Amino acid sequence: MAGKITSAEKRHRQSEERRLRNKSVKSSVRTSVKQFVALVRKKDEKAEAALKEMISKLDSAARKGIIKKNTAARKKSRMQRLYNTVKSAQ
């Protein structure tokens, strides 16, 4: 924690709030990816809805700058490809 400098204390508080908010969003994205992969592996019909939700969360995180734009695009591409291969195999 910063010492007596009030602007440094405020900056520390702000960065801590942002860190916790970003951590929450990242965790939510990872959870939705894991849920989607589990549904695809079980060949569940809810996988398409989970894919849409996951893409939405990835786009939101990328828009907020929590994850990089290309990282979101790469994850979306890989998950879409996984979904398509399983769906075509049925």
Protein backbone atom coordinates (compact mmCIF):
# COMPACT_ATOMS: atom_id res chain seq x y z
CA MET A 1 0.00 0.00 0.00
CA ALA A 2 1.15 3.50 -0.75
CA GLY A 3 2.23 5.77 2.08
CA LYS A 4 0.89 9.28 2.81
CA ILE A 5 0.43 10.42 -0.80
CA THR A 6 -3.31 10.64 -1.36
CA SER A 7 -3.17 10.43 -5.16
CA ALA A 8 -1.13 7.24 -4.87
CA GLU A 9 -3.64 5.82 -2.40
CA LYS A 10 -6.49 6.61 -4.77
CA ARG A 11 -4.63 5.06 -7.69
CA HIS A 12 -4.03 1.94 -5.59
CA ARG A 13 -7.73 1.67 -4.71
CA GLN A 14 -8.72 2.10 -8.36
CA SER A 15 -6.26 -0.48 -9.60
CA GLU A 16 -7.41 -2.97 -6.97
CA GLU A 17 -11.06 -2.50 -8.00
CA ARG A 18 -10.14 -2.96 -11.67
CA ARG A 19 -8.07 -6.04 -10.89
CA LEU A 20 -10.97 -7.70 -9.10
CA ARG A 21 -13.42 -6.76 -11.84
CA ASN A 22 -11.09 -8.07 -14.56
CA LYS A 23 -10.48 -11.26 -12.59
CA SER A 24 -14.22 -11.84 -12.37
CA VAL A 25 -14.73 -11.37 -16.11
CA LYS A 26 -11.79 -13.63 -17.00
CA SER A 27 -13.10 -16.31 -14.67
CA SER A 28 -16.54 -16.06 -16.24
CA VAL A 29 -15.04 -16.47 -19.73
CA ARG A 30 -13.02 -19.52 -18.68
CA THR A 31 -16.08 -21.09 -17.03
CA SER A 32 -18.22 -20.60 -20.13
CA VAL A 33 -15.49 -22.14 -22.32
CA LYS A 34 -15.27 -25.18 -20.03
CA GLN A 35 -19.05 -25.59 -19.99
CA PHE A 36 -19.20 -25.37 -23.77
CA VAL A 37 -16.46 -27.96 -24.24
CA ALA A 38 -18.19 -30.30 -21.79
CA LEU A 39 -21.49 -29.99 -23.66
CA VAL A 40 -19.80 -30.61 -27.01
CA ARG A 41 -18.01 -33.69 -25.69
CA LYS A 42 -21.35 -35.07 -24.42
CA LYS A 43 -22.94 -34.16 -27.78
CA ASP A 44 -25.63 -32.20 -25.95
CA GLU A 45 -28.11 -30.08 -27.91
CA LYS A 46 -27.50 -27.15 -25.57
CA ALA A 47 -24.00 -26.73 -27.03
CA GLU A 48 -25.15 -24.21 -29.63
CA ALA A 49 -26.67 -21.94 -26.97
CA ALA A 50 -23.52 -22.31 -24.87
CA LEU A 51 -21.42 -21.38 -27.92
CA LYS A 52 -23.42 -18.17 -28.41
CA GLU A 53 -23.10 -17.28 -24.73
CA MET A 54 -19.35 -17.97 -24.77
CA ILE A 55 -18.84 -15.84 -27.88
CA SER A 56 -20.78 -13.02 -26.26
CA LYS A 57 -18.62 -13.16 -23.13
CA LEU A 58 -15.40 -13.26 -25.20
CA ASP A 59 -16.49 -10.27 -27.27
CA SER A 60 -17.45 -8.34 -24.16
CA ALA A 61 -14.11 -9.04 -22.48
CA ALA A 62 -12.21 -8.06 -25.64
CA ARG A 63 -14.22 -4.85 -26.00
CA LYS A 64 -13.41 -3.91 -22.40
CA GLY A 65 -9.71 -4.60 -22.97
CA ILE A 66 -9.60 -7.41 -20.42
CA ILE A 67 -8.35 -9.86 -23.03
CA LYS A 68 -6.79 -8.98 -26.35
CA LYS A 69 -8.89 -8.82 -29.48
CA ASN A 70 -6.87 -11.50 -31.28
CA THR A 71 -7.03 -13.81 -28.26
CA ALA A 72 -10.82 -13.60 -28.31
CA ALA A 73 -10.88 -14.23 -32.06
CA ARG A 74 -8.58 -17.24 -31.72
CA LYS A 75 -10.66 -18.80 -28.94
CA LYS A 76 -13.90 -18.22 -30.85
CA SER A 77 -12.42 -19.78 -33.97
CA ARG A 78 -11.18 -22.86 -32.14
CA MET A 79 -14.46 -23.40 -30.32
CA GLN A 80 -16.50 -22.92 -33.50
CA ARG A 81 -14.28 -25.44 -35.28
CA LEU A 82 -14.73 -27.93 -32.42
CA TYR A 83 -18.50 -27.47 -32.58
CA ASN A 84 -18.56 -27.89 -36.37
CA THR A 85 -16.48 -31.09 -36.36
CA VAL A 86 -18.67 -32.71 -33.71
CA LYS A 87 -21.86 -31.59 -35.42
CA SER A 88 -20.72 -32.89 -38.84
CA ALA A 89 -19.77 -36.25 -37.29
CA GLN A 90 -23.34 -36.81 -36.10
